[in-house]
Amino acid sequence: MDNNSLFQTITNVPSELLGSVPRRIQLSDSSRILRFVLVSLIGITVIAGLWYGKHVVIQMQQRSALRHDGVEVQGEITFLKRVGRGGNIIRYTFTANGGTISDKAEVPPQLMRDLEGSTITTIRYLPSNPAINHPAAWEWSLSSEWPLIFVLIGLLTVCSVTSTAVYRDRKLLVWGKPVTGIVTNCRVSGRGIISIEYEFRTETGAQVRGSGNSTDQQETGAGICVLYLPENPRRNLPYPVPDYIVEQ
């Protein structure tokens, strides 16, 4: 049997998809925890991003103040060592405004050799607030915090990709047009995920290819239900979708 005959004879569209749109959908029980995790992750990412943005602004302001109003003094190195898997850390003390100030900073890798064996280093500080200080040989920069930036970018990417996928799935379930598709390939990954490729025809007769995950293993040539957006048929997915339930 050729593809034309299959498209014409297979009728496997579930009854809950035959009504008017927009459809009413709800989360399946198995996906509620995943959605809670996603919302929590988005919240954590937003809070972390706001905190880091504030941190960067403060560091930039302090760096500018140290450049213009800072004074330099000799400080004593009390600790110089690589800490765990982190960077090289220097701890130091210096005298300012009649008191002793203790602080620490991360040492750029290229300067670590110059400091090894030294007991003193030059410190730049603000006379109006000695707590704002930094070794004079280098200053704070965004590049010194690339691991944290990498983590934030990773969180943002995960949230963006996942949220986009959720939005697209919901839009297809609410507005998508059901049609019969023909499986052209099916494979099962080592984690048990069933991926299928399929073809279908739109109401205008255009033939479109698609892919997605299936709840069951499918034979090549089998008919499945596919939802697609009439205004953009390349946006499609096989039905049912495990994370959602379409109300009758």
Protein backbone atom coordinates (compact mmCIF):
# COMPACT_ATOMS: atom_id res chain seq x y z
CA MET A 1 0.00 0.00 0.00
CA ASP A 2 1.43 3.39 -0.96
CA ASN A 3 1.50 6.53 1.16
CA ASN A 4 -1.46 8.05 -0.68
CA SER A 5 -3.68 5.13 0.29
CA LEU A 6 -2.51 5.22 3.90
CA PHE A 7 -3.25 8.92 4.24
CA GLN A 8 -6.72 8.33 2.87
CA THR A 9 -7.74 5.20 4.80
CA ILE A 10 -6.25 5.47 8.29
CA THR A 11 -8.58 7.17 10.77
CA ASN A 12 -7.07 7.09 14.24
CA VAL A 13 -7.82 10.59 15.56
CA PRO A 14 -8.95 10.36 19.22
CA SER A 15 -12.40 11.71 19.98
CA GLU A 16 -11.11 14.36 22.42
CA LEU A 17 -9.35 16.09 19.52
CA LEU A 18 -12.37 16.31 17.26
CA GLY A 19 -14.14 19.10 19.15
CA SER A 20 -13.71 22.85 18.74
CA VAL A 21 -10.60 24.76 19.71
CA PRO A 22 -9.19 26.05 21.99
CA ARG A 23 -9.10 22.75 23.85
CA ARG A 24 -8.89 22.50 27.60
CA ILE A 25 -5.83 20.65 28.84
CA GLN A 26 -4.38 19.74 32.20
CA LEU A 27 -1.14 18.31 33.46
CA SER A 28 -0.91 14.57 33.93
CA ASP A 29 -0.11 13.35 37.43
CA SER A 30 3.37 12.21 36.37
CA SER A 31 4.36 15.67 35.10
CA ARG A 32 3.25 17.82 38.03
CA ILE A 33 6.50 17.28 39.91
CA LEU A 34 8.53 18.09 36.78
CA ARG A 35 6.59 21.33 36.30
CA PHE A 36 7.17 22.23 39.96
CA VAL A 37 10.89 21.61 39.47
CA LEU A 38 10.88 23.79 36.33
CA VAL A 39 9.08 26.67 38.08
CA SER A 40 11.46 26.39 41.04
CA LEU A 41 14.46 26.38 38.71
CA ILE A 42 13.20 29.47 36.92
CA GLY A 43 12.71 31.20 40.27
CA ILE A 44 16.22 30.27 41.42
CA THR A 45 17.66 31.49 38.11
CA VAL A 46 15.88 34.84 38.36
CA ILE A 47 16.97 35.38 41.97
CA ALA A 48 20.55 34.34 41.19
CA GLY A 49 20.62 36.60 38.14
CA LEU A 50 19.36 39.61 40.11
CA TRP A 51 21.85 38.93 42.89
CA TYR A 52 24.74 38.61 40.48
CA GLY A 53 23.69 41.75 38.60
CA LYS A 54 23.72 43.68 41.87
CA HIS A 55 27.10 42.13 42.74
CA VAL A 56 28.58 43.22 39.40
CA VAL A 57 27.29 46.79 39.81
CA ILE A 58 28.82 47.04 43.30
CA GLN A 59 32.14 45.62 42.14
CA MET A 60 32.27 48.03 39.19
CA GLN A 61 31.54 50.98 41.46
CA GLN A 62 34.20 49.90 43.94
CA ARG A 63 36.76 49.34 41.19
CA SER A 64 36.10 52.83 39.82
CA ALA A 65 36.40 54.37 43.29
CA LEU A 66 39.68 52.54 43.95
CA ARG A 67 41.09 53.74 40.64
CA HIS A 68 40.29 57.40 41.31
CA ASP A 69 40.47 57.80 45.10
CA GLY A 70 42.42 54.80 46.35
CA VAL A 71 45.74 55.03 48.14
CA GLU A 72 48.39 52.34 48.34
CA VAL A 73 50.02 50.76 51.36
CA GLN A 74 52.21 47.74 52.03
CA GLY A 75 50.26 44.76 53.30
CA GLU A 76 51.37 41.49 54.89
CA ILE A 77 50.50 38.20 53.18
CA THR A 78 49.12 35.76 55.75
CA PHE A 79 47.92 33.04 53.37
CA LEU A 80 48.60 32.16 49.75
CA LYS A 81 47.31 28.85 48.44
CA ARG A 82 44.98 27.14 46.03
CA VAL A 83 41.74 26.28 47.84
CA GLY A 84 40.12 22.99 46.81
CA ARG A 85 39.08 23.08 43.16
CA GLY A 86 38.70 26.85 43.27
CA GLY A 87 41.19 29.56 42.45
CA ASN A 88 44.35 30.75 44.16
CA ILE A 89 43.48 32.71 47.30
CA ILE A 90 45.53 35.38 49.04
CA ARG A 91 44.77 36.60 52.54
CA TYR A 92 46.42 39.76 53.75
CA THR A 93 46.40 42.43 56.44
CA PHE A 94 47.25 46.12 56.29
CA THR A 95 47.02 49.17 58.51
CA ALA A 96 44.64 52.00 57.63
CA ASN A 97 43.15 54.83 59.71
CA GLY A 98 44.85 53.51 62.83
CA GLY A 99 43.41 50.01 62.58
CA THR A 100 44.33 46.66 61.10
CA ILE A 101 42.27 45.46 58.14
CA SER A 102 42.14 41.81 57.06
CA ASP A 103 40.80 40.71 53.70
CA LYS A 104 41.25 38.18 50.91
CA ALA A 105 41.18 38.08 47.12
CA GLU A 106 41.49 35.60 44.28
CA VAL A 107 44.84 35.67 42.53
CA PRO A 108 44.97 35.55 38.71
CA PRO A 109 46.87 32.40 37.66
CA GLN A 110 49.50 34.40 35.72
CA LEU A 111 50.43 36.36 38.87
CA MET A 112 50.61 33.43 41.28
CA ARG A 113 54.29 32.72 40.56
CA ASP A 114 55.27 36.34 41.27
CA LEU A 115 53.65 36.16 44.71
CA GLU A 116 55.02 32.80 45.80
CA GLY A 117 57.67 33.25 48.49
CA SER A 118 56.64 36.87 49.13
CA THR A 119 55.52 38.09 52.54
CA ILE A 120 54.33 41.54 51.51
CA THR A 121 52.21 42.97 48.72
CA THR A 122 50.86 46.39 47.83
CA ILE A 123 47.21 47.01 48.72
CA ARG A 124 45.04 49.79 47.32
CA TYR A 125 42.19 50.94 49.59
CA LEU A 126 39.70 53.79 50.04
CA PRO A 127 40.64 56.10 52.92
CA SER A 128 36.95 56.80 53.52
CA ASN A 129 36.21 53.07 53.80
CA PRO A 130 39.28 50.79 54.11
CA ALA A 131 37.02 47.74 53.88
CA ILE A 132 36.95 48.51 50.16
CA ASN A 133 40.36 47.35 49.05
CA HIS A 134 42.18 45.12 46.61
CA PRO A 135 45.75 44.04 45.84
CA ALA A 136 47.23 46.79 43.65
CA ALA A 137 48.79 44.30 41.21
CA TRP A 138 45.36 43.45 39.81
CA GLU A 139 41.71 44.40 40.20
CA TRP A 140 38.31 42.75 40.04
CA SER A 141 37.03 41.84 36.57
CA LEU A 142 34.21 39.79 35.10
CA SER A 143 36.73 37.34 33.64
CA SER A 144 37.77 36.37 37.17
CA GLU A 145 34.30 34.98 37.81
CA TRP A 146 33.79 32.93 34.64
CA PRO A 147 32.79 29.73 36.54
CA LEU A 148 29.86 31.53 38.16
CA ILE A 149 28.93 33.21 34.87
CA PHE A 150 29.05 29.81 33.15
CA VAL A 151 26.68 28.33 35.76
CA LEU A 152 24.23 31.23 35.37
CA ILE A 153 24.32 30.96 31.57
CA GLY A 154 23.73 27.20 31.87
CA LEU A 155 20.72 27.72 34.16
CA LEU A 156 19.32 30.38 31.84
CA THR A 157 19.77 28.11 28.81
CA VAL A 158 18.06 25.16 30.49
CA CYS A 159 15.14 27.33 31.62
CA SER A 160 14.76 28.96 28.20
CA VAL A 161 14.90 25.73 26.21
CA THR A 162 12.57 23.87 28.57
CA SER A 163 10.08 26.74 28.83
CA THR A 164 10.01 27.10 25.03
CA ALA A 165 9.35 23.38 24.61
CA VAL A 166 6.55 23.49 27.18
CA TYR A 167 4.97 26.51 25.48
CA ARG A 168 5.11 24.87 22.05
CA ASP A 169 3.58 21.62 23.33
CA ARG A 170 0.75 23.46 25.08
CA LYS A 171 0.04 25.58 22.00
CA LEU A 172 -0.14 22.50 19.79
CA LEU A 173 -2.45 20.70 22.21
CA VAL A 174 -4.75 23.72 22.55
CA TRP A 175 -4.85 24.85 18.90
CA GLY A 176 -3.33 22.04 16.83
CA LYS A 177 -5.23 20.34 14.03
CA PRO A 178 -5.34 16.52 14.27
CA VAL A 179 -4.32 14.46 11.27
CA THR A 180 -3.13 10.95 10.50
CA GLY A 181 0.61 10.50 10.14
CA ILE A 182 2.67 7.58 8.82
CA VAL A 183 5.67 6.34 10.80
CA THR A 184 8.83 6.28 8.69
CA ASN A 185 11.31 5.36 11.42
CA CYS A 186 11.26 4.28 15.06
CA ARG A 187 14.17 3.81 17.43
CA VAL A 188 14.60 3.22 21.16
CA SER A 189 17.48 4.88 23.02
CA GLY A 190 19.50 3.26 25.77
CA ARG A 191 17.37 5.13 28.32
CA GLY A 192 14.19 3.62 26.90
CA ILE A 193 13.02 6.78 25.11
CA ILE A 194 11.07 5.95 21.94
CA SER A 195 11.78 8.40 19.10
CA ILE A 196 9.79 8.32 15.88
CA GLU A 197 9.89 10.04 12.53
CA TYR A 198 6.73 10.42 10.47
CA GLU A 199 5.04 12.09 7.53
CA PHE A 200 1.59 13.66 7.24
CA ARG A 201 -0.48 15.77 4.90
CA THR A 202 -2.00 19.09 5.81
CA GLU A 203 -5.54 20.10 4.90
CA THR A 204 -4.09 21.89 1.85
CA GLY A 205 -2.42 18.68 0.63
CA ALA A 206 1.15 19.61 1.53
CA GLN A 207 3.26 16.69 2.73
CA VAL A 208 5.27 17.42 5.89
CA ARG A 209 7.84 15.47 7.86
CA GLY A 210 8.05 15.50 11.63
CA SER A 211 9.65 13.79 14.61
CA GLY A 212 9.06 13.39 18.29
CA ASN A 213 8.77 10.98 21.19
CA SER A 214 6.15 8.24 21.31
CA THR A 215 4.49 6.53 24.26
CA ASP A 216 4.68 3.17 22.41
CA GLN A 217 7.04 1.55 19.95
CA GLN A 218 5.70 1.86 16.40
CA GLU A 219 6.17 -0.18 13.25
CA THR A 220 7.32 1.55 10.07
CA GLY A 221 4.22 2.35 8.03
CA ALA A 222 1.92 2.42 11.05
CA GLY A 223 -0.63 5.20 11.34
CA ILE A 224 -0.40 7.61 14.27
CA CYS A 225 -2.19 10.77 15.31
CA VAL A 226 -0.30 14.02 14.72
CA LEU A 227 -1.16 17.56 15.81
CA TYR A 228 0.09 20.47 13.71
CA LEU A 229 -0.43 24.21 13.48
CA PRO A 230 -2.19 25.13 10.21
CA GLU A 231 -0.27 28.42 10.02
CA ASN A 232 3.05 26.60 10.49
CA PRO A 233 2.81 22.85 9.78
CA ARG A 234 6.46 22.35 10.68
CA ARG A 235 5.32 22.83 14.26
CA ASN A 236 3.88 19.41 15.01
CA LEU A 237 4.10 16.53 17.44
CA PRO A 238 2.76 12.99 17.83
CA TYR A 239 -0.27 12.49 20.04
CA PRO A 240 -0.77 11.56 22.87
CA VAL A 241 1.67 13.70 24.85
CA PRO A 242 2.57 12.01 28.17
CA ASP A 243 2.73 15.26 30.16
CA TYR A 244 -0.79 16.43 29.31
CA ILE A 245 -4.39 15.26 29.28
CA VAL A 246 -6.88 16.76 26.82
CA GLU A 247 -10.28 17.05 28.45
CA GLN A 248 -13.21 15.45 26.63
